[in-house]
Amino acid sequence: MGFDKSFDMEWDSMVHSSGEALVTNNGKVNVNSKKAIAAAKLIMDMVNDGTALTFSSSAGITATKAALAGNSLVVTATASKKQQSGAWAFMKFLMSDKQTEK
C-alpha cells in the first residue's frame, strides 16, 4: 500500500469512515479527537513498519504495492506473488459493483 507523503486525504477518509470529521459542520477543528489520533497513528505505524510506503509523485509509484489516493491502483513487479495476489483481490473488491455503487 502506498501513501502520498502528505497522507491528508487518507487520514481524512479514515476519520470520516469512523463517523467523525477533521472539521465539524460548525467549523470546529477536530484533529485531536481519539478517532483522529488513532487514524493518524495507524497510518504512521504502517509507514514505520513497512506495511505502507510513501511517495511524493507518480514517479515514485514504482516503489508501492498499491496506491489508495488519487486515481491509480498499481501492482509492481517487485511485489511478491503473495503481495500481488492480495493486491489484485483488493483491487477487485474496490472495483466491485457493491463498492462503486455507494
N, C-alpha and C. Protein backbone atom coordinates (compact mmCIF):
# COMPACT_ATOMS: atom_id res chain seq x y z
N MET A 1 0.85 -1.15 0.00
CA MET A 1 0.00 0.00 0.00
C MET A 1 0.90 1.22 0.00
N GLY A 2 0.47 2.28 -0.63
CA GLY A 2 1.27 3.49 -0.66
C GLY A 2 0.47 4.70 -0.23
N PHE A 3 1.10 5.60 0.43
CA PHE A 3 0.50 6.88 0.82
C PHE A 3 1.32 8.00 0.22
N ASP A 4 0.65 9.05 -0.25
CA ASP A 4 1.34 10.27 -0.60
C ASP A 4 2.00 10.76 0.67
N LYS A 5 3.14 11.42 0.56
CA LYS A 5 3.86 11.85 1.77
C LYS A 5 3.02 12.75 2.67
N SER A 6 2.04 13.45 2.11
CA SER A 6 1.20 14.30 2.95
C SER A 6 0.07 13.50 3.61
N PHE A 7 -0.34 12.40 3.09
CA PHE A 7 -1.39 11.47 3.52
C PHE A 7 -2.59 12.11 4.19
N ASP A 8 -2.85 13.41 3.90
CA ASP A 8 -4.01 14.07 4.50
C ASP A 8 -5.33 13.51 3.96
N MET A 9 -5.37 13.14 2.70
CA MET A 9 -6.59 12.60 2.13
C MET A 9 -6.93 11.26 2.77
N GLU A 10 -5.92 10.41 2.96
CA GLU A 10 -6.15 9.13 3.59
C GLU A 10 -6.59 9.29 5.05
N TRP A 11 -5.93 10.21 5.74
CA TRP A 11 -6.28 10.47 7.14
C TRP A 11 -7.72 10.96 7.24
N ASP A 12 -8.09 11.92 6.42
CA ASP A 12 -9.44 12.46 6.42
C ASP A 12 -10.45 11.35 6.13
N SER A 13 -10.15 10.50 5.16
CA SER A 13 -11.05 9.40 4.81
C SER A 13 -11.22 8.43 5.97
N MET A 14 -10.12 8.11 6.63
CA MET A 14 -10.19 7.17 7.75
C MET A 14 -11.00 7.77 8.92
N VAL A 15 -10.80 9.03 9.19
CA VAL A 15 -11.55 9.68 10.27
C VAL A 15 -13.02 9.73 9.89
N HIS A 16 -13.30 10.11 8.64
CA HIS A 16 -14.69 10.18 8.17
C HIS A 16 -15.37 8.81 8.27
N SER A 17 -14.66 7.75 7.90
CA SER A 17 -15.26 6.41 7.95
C SER A 17 -15.52 5.95 9.38
N SER A 18 -14.89 6.60 10.36
CA SER A 18 -15.16 6.27 11.77
C SER A 18 -16.34 7.07 12.32
N GLY A 19 -16.94 7.90 11.47
CA GLY A 19 -18.11 8.67 11.89
C GLY A 19 -17.80 10.07 12.37
N GLU A 20 -16.57 10.51 12.22
CA GLU A 20 -16.18 11.85 12.64
C GLU A 20 -15.65 12.63 11.45
N ALA A 21 -15.31 13.89 11.69
CA ALA A 21 -14.71 14.74 10.67
C ALA A 21 -13.57 15.53 11.30
N LEU A 22 -12.57 15.86 10.48
CA LEU A 22 -11.45 16.65 11.00
C LEU A 22 -11.87 18.08 11.28
N VAL A 23 -12.89 18.55 10.56
CA VAL A 23 -13.50 19.85 10.83
C VAL A 23 -15.01 19.61 10.89
N THR A 24 -15.63 19.97 12.00
CA THR A 24 -17.06 19.71 12.19
C THR A 24 -17.89 20.66 11.33
N ASN A 25 -19.19 20.36 11.24
CA ASN A 25 -20.11 21.20 10.45
C ASN A 25 -20.15 22.64 10.94
N ASN A 26 -19.89 22.87 12.22
CA ASN A 26 -19.89 24.24 12.74
C ASN A 26 -18.50 24.88 12.72
N GLY A 27 -17.55 24.23 12.03
CA GLY A 27 -16.24 24.83 11.84
C GLY A 27 -15.21 24.54 12.92
N LYS A 28 -15.55 23.67 13.88
CA LYS A 28 -14.60 23.34 14.95
C LYS A 28 -13.56 22.34 14.42
N VAL A 29 -12.29 22.65 14.66
CA VAL A 29 -11.21 21.74 14.27
C VAL A 29 -11.23 20.56 15.24
N ASN A 30 -11.19 19.36 14.66
CA ASN A 30 -11.38 18.14 15.44
C ASN A 30 -10.21 17.17 15.24
N VAL A 31 -9.01 17.69 15.06
CA VAL A 31 -7.87 16.83 14.74
C VAL A 31 -7.29 16.10 15.95
N ASN A 32 -7.71 16.49 17.16
CA ASN A 32 -7.16 15.81 18.34
C ASN A 32 -8.17 14.90 19.02
N SER A 33 -9.23 14.52 18.29
CA SER A 33 -10.16 13.56 18.86
C SER A 33 -9.49 12.19 18.92
N LYS A 34 -10.03 11.30 19.75
CA LYS A 34 -9.45 9.96 19.88
C LYS A 34 -9.42 9.24 18.54
N LYS A 35 -10.49 9.35 17.75
CA LYS A 35 -10.56 8.66 16.46
C LYS A 35 -9.58 9.26 15.45
N ALA A 36 -9.41 10.58 15.45
CA ALA A 36 -8.47 11.22 14.53
C ALA A 36 -7.03 10.83 14.88
N ILE A 37 -6.73 10.80 16.16
CA ILE A 37 -5.39 10.41 16.60
C ILE A 37 -5.14 8.94 16.28
N ALA A 38 -6.14 8.09 16.49
CA ALA A 38 -5.99 6.66 16.19
C ALA A 38 -5.75 6.44 14.69
N ALA A 39 -6.44 7.18 13.84
CA ALA A 39 -6.24 7.05 12.39
C ALA A 39 -4.84 7.49 12.00
N ALA A 40 -4.38 8.61 12.54
CA ALA A 40 -3.02 9.09 12.24
C ALA A 40 -1.98 8.09 12.73
N LYS A 41 -2.21 7.52 13.92
CA LYS A 41 -1.27 6.54 14.46
C LYS A 41 -1.24 5.30 13.58
N LEU A 42 -2.39 4.84 13.11
CA LEU A 42 -2.42 3.67 12.23
C LEU A 42 -1.61 3.92 10.96
N ILE A 43 -1.79 5.08 10.35
CA ILE A 43 -1.03 5.42 9.14
C ILE A 43 0.46 5.43 9.44
N MET A 44 0.86 6.10 10.51
CA MET A 44 2.28 6.18 10.85
C MET A 44 2.85 4.81 11.21
N ASP A 45 2.06 3.98 11.91
CA ASP A 45 2.52 2.63 12.22
C ASP A 45 2.75 1.84 10.93
N MET A 46 1.85 1.98 9.95
CA MET A 46 2.00 1.28 8.67
C MET A 46 3.25 1.75 7.93
N VAL A 47 3.50 3.04 7.95
CA VAL A 47 4.69 3.58 7.29
C VAL A 47 5.94 3.10 8.03
N ASN A 48 5.93 3.17 9.35
CA ASN A 48 7.11 2.80 10.15
C ASN A 48 7.43 1.32 10.09
N ASP A 49 6.40 0.46 10.00
CA ASP A 49 6.70 -0.98 9.96
C ASP A 49 6.83 -1.53 8.54
N GLY A 50 6.71 -0.66 7.54
CA GLY A 50 6.92 -1.08 6.16
C GLY A 50 5.68 -1.65 5.49
N THR A 51 4.53 -1.68 6.18
CA THR A 51 3.29 -2.14 5.57
C THR A 51 2.88 -1.21 4.45
N ALA A 52 3.14 0.08 4.63
CA ALA A 52 2.83 1.09 3.62
C ALA A 52 4.10 1.88 3.32
N LEU A 53 4.20 2.33 2.12
CA LEU A 53 5.32 3.17 1.70
C LEU A 53 4.79 4.55 1.39
N THR A 54 5.67 5.54 1.37
CA THR A 54 5.26 6.88 0.99
C THR A 54 5.95 7.26 -0.31
N PHE A 55 5.31 8.15 -1.03
CA PHE A 55 5.89 8.66 -2.26
C PHE A 55 5.45 10.10 -2.43
N SER A 56 6.19 10.86 -3.20
CA SER A 56 5.86 12.27 -3.34
C SER A 56 5.36 12.62 -4.73
N SER A 57 5.40 11.69 -5.67
CA SER A 57 4.86 11.96 -7.01
C SER A 57 4.63 10.65 -7.71
N SER A 58 3.99 10.71 -8.85
CA SER A 58 3.73 9.49 -9.61
C SER A 58 5.04 8.83 -10.04
N ALA A 59 6.13 9.58 -10.08
CA ALA A 59 7.41 8.99 -10.43
C ALA A 59 7.86 7.99 -9.39
N GLY A 60 7.39 8.15 -8.15
CA GLY A 60 7.78 7.24 -7.08
C GLY A 60 6.85 6.05 -6.93
N ILE A 61 5.86 5.97 -7.76
CA ILE A 61 4.85 4.93 -7.60
C ILE A 61 5.39 3.52 -7.80
N THR A 62 6.52 3.37 -8.45
CA THR A 62 7.07 2.03 -8.68
C THR A 62 7.49 1.37 -7.38
N ALA A 63 7.64 2.13 -6.32
CA ALA A 63 8.05 1.54 -5.04
C ALA A 63 6.86 1.05 -4.23
N THR A 64 5.65 1.33 -4.67
CA THR A 64 4.49 0.97 -3.87
C THR A 64 3.85 -0.32 -4.35
N LYS A 65 3.08 -0.93 -3.47
CA LYS A 65 2.33 -2.13 -3.81
C LYS A 65 0.95 -1.76 -4.32
N ALA A 66 0.35 -0.74 -3.77
CA ALA A 66 -0.92 -0.21 -4.25
C ALA A 66 -1.05 1.21 -3.75
N ALA A 67 -1.63 2.06 -4.53
CA ALA A 67 -1.85 3.45 -4.12
C ALA A 67 -3.33 3.64 -3.88
N LEU A 68 -3.70 4.19 -2.73
CA LEU A 68 -5.10 4.38 -2.42
C LEU A 68 -5.58 5.80 -2.67
N ALA A 69 -4.69 6.72 -2.86
CA ALA A 69 -5.08 8.10 -3.11
C ALA A 69 -5.04 8.36 -4.60
N GLY A 70 -5.84 9.32 -5.02
CA GLY A 70 -5.85 9.64 -6.44
C GLY A 70 -6.61 8.60 -7.23
N ASN A 71 -6.22 8.41 -8.48
CA ASN A 71 -6.98 7.52 -9.33
C ASN A 71 -6.15 6.35 -9.85
N SER A 72 -5.13 5.96 -9.15
CA SER A 72 -4.26 4.90 -9.61
C SER A 72 -4.22 3.75 -8.61
N LEU A 73 -4.34 2.55 -9.14
CA LEU A 73 -4.08 1.34 -8.37
C LEU A 73 -3.02 0.59 -9.14
N VAL A 74 -1.97 0.20 -8.46
CA VAL A 74 -0.87 -0.45 -9.16
C VAL A 74 -0.39 -1.68 -8.38
N VAL A 75 0.14 -2.63 -9.10
CA VAL A 75 0.86 -3.76 -8.53
C VAL A 75 2.17 -3.80 -9.28
N THR A 76 3.26 -3.78 -8.55
CA THR A 76 4.56 -3.73 -9.22
C THR A 76 5.19 -5.11 -9.32
N ALA A 77 6.13 -5.20 -10.22
CA ALA A 77 6.85 -6.45 -10.43
C ALA A 77 7.70 -6.80 -9.22
N THR A 78 8.02 -5.83 -8.36
CA THR A 78 8.85 -6.11 -7.20
C THR A 78 8.05 -6.72 -6.05
N ALA A 79 6.73 -6.71 -6.15
CA ALA A 79 5.90 -7.33 -5.11
C ALA A 79 6.01 -8.84 -5.21
N SER A 80 5.96 -9.51 -4.05
CA SER A 80 6.00 -10.97 -4.05
C SER A 80 4.70 -11.50 -4.67
N LYS A 81 4.68 -12.77 -5.01
CA LYS A 81 3.46 -13.38 -5.57
C LYS A 81 2.30 -13.25 -4.59
N LYS A 82 2.58 -13.43 -3.29
CA LYS A 82 1.54 -13.28 -2.27
C LYS A 82 1.02 -11.84 -2.21
N GLN A 83 1.93 -10.86 -2.28
CA GLN A 83 1.53 -9.46 -2.28
C GLN A 83 0.74 -9.13 -3.54
N GLN A 84 1.17 -9.63 -4.69
CA GLN A 84 0.46 -9.38 -5.94
C GLN A 84 -0.96 -9.97 -5.87
N SER A 85 -1.06 -11.19 -5.36
CA SER A 85 -2.37 -11.83 -5.25
C SER A 85 -3.29 -11.03 -4.33
N GLY A 86 -2.76 -10.60 -3.20
CA GLY A 86 -3.55 -9.80 -2.26
C GLY A 86 -3.95 -8.46 -2.85
N ALA A 87 -3.02 -7.82 -3.57
CA ALA A 87 -3.32 -6.53 -4.19
C ALA A 87 -4.41 -6.67 -5.25
N TRP A 88 -4.32 -7.72 -6.06
CA TRP A 88 -5.36 -7.94 -7.08
C TRP A 88 -6.71 -8.20 -6.44
N ALA A 89 -6.74 -8.99 -5.38
CA ALA A 89 -8.00 -9.26 -4.68
C ALA A 89 -8.59 -7.97 -4.12
N PHE A 90 -7.72 -7.11 -3.56
CA PHE A 90 -8.18 -5.84 -3.01
C PHE A 90 -8.71 -4.93 -4.11
N MET A 91 -8.02 -4.88 -5.26
CA MET A 91 -8.48 -4.06 -6.38
C MET A 91 -9.83 -4.54 -6.90
N LYS A 92 -10.00 -5.85 -6.99
CA LYS A 92 -11.30 -6.39 -7.44
C LYS A 92 -12.40 -5.98 -6.47
N PHE A 93 -12.10 -6.05 -5.18
CA PHE A 93 -13.06 -5.63 -4.17
C PHE A 93 -13.41 -4.15 -4.34
N LEU A 94 -12.40 -3.30 -4.49
CA LEU A 94 -12.65 -1.87 -4.65
C LEU A 94 -13.47 -1.54 -5.89
N MET A 95 -13.26 -2.30 -6.95
CA MET A 95 -13.93 -2.02 -8.22
C MET A 95 -15.24 -2.79 -8.38
N SER A 96 -15.62 -3.56 -7.39
CA SER A 96 -16.87 -4.34 -7.49
C SER A 96 -18.08 -3.40 -7.51
N ASP A 97 -19.15 -3.88 -8.11
CA ASP A 97 -20.38 -3.09 -8.18
C ASP A 97 -20.84 -2.66 -6.80
N LYS A 98 -20.73 -3.56 -5.82
CA LYS A 98 -21.17 -3.25 -4.46
C LYS A 98 -20.44 -2.02 -3.91
N GLN A 99 -19.15 -1.88 -4.20
CA GLN A 99 -18.37 -0.76 -3.69
C GLN A 99 -18.54 0.51 -4.52
N THR A 100 -18.62 0.37 -5.84
CA THR A 100 -18.68 1.56 -6.70
C THR A 100 -20.06 2.16 -6.79
N GLU A 101 -21.09 1.44 -6.34
CA GLU A 101 -22.45 1.96 -6.37
C GLU A 101 -22.77 2.83 -5.18
N LYS A 102 -21.89 2.87 -4.19
CA LYS A 102 -22.13 3.65 -2.96
C LYS A 102 -22.13 5.13 -3.23
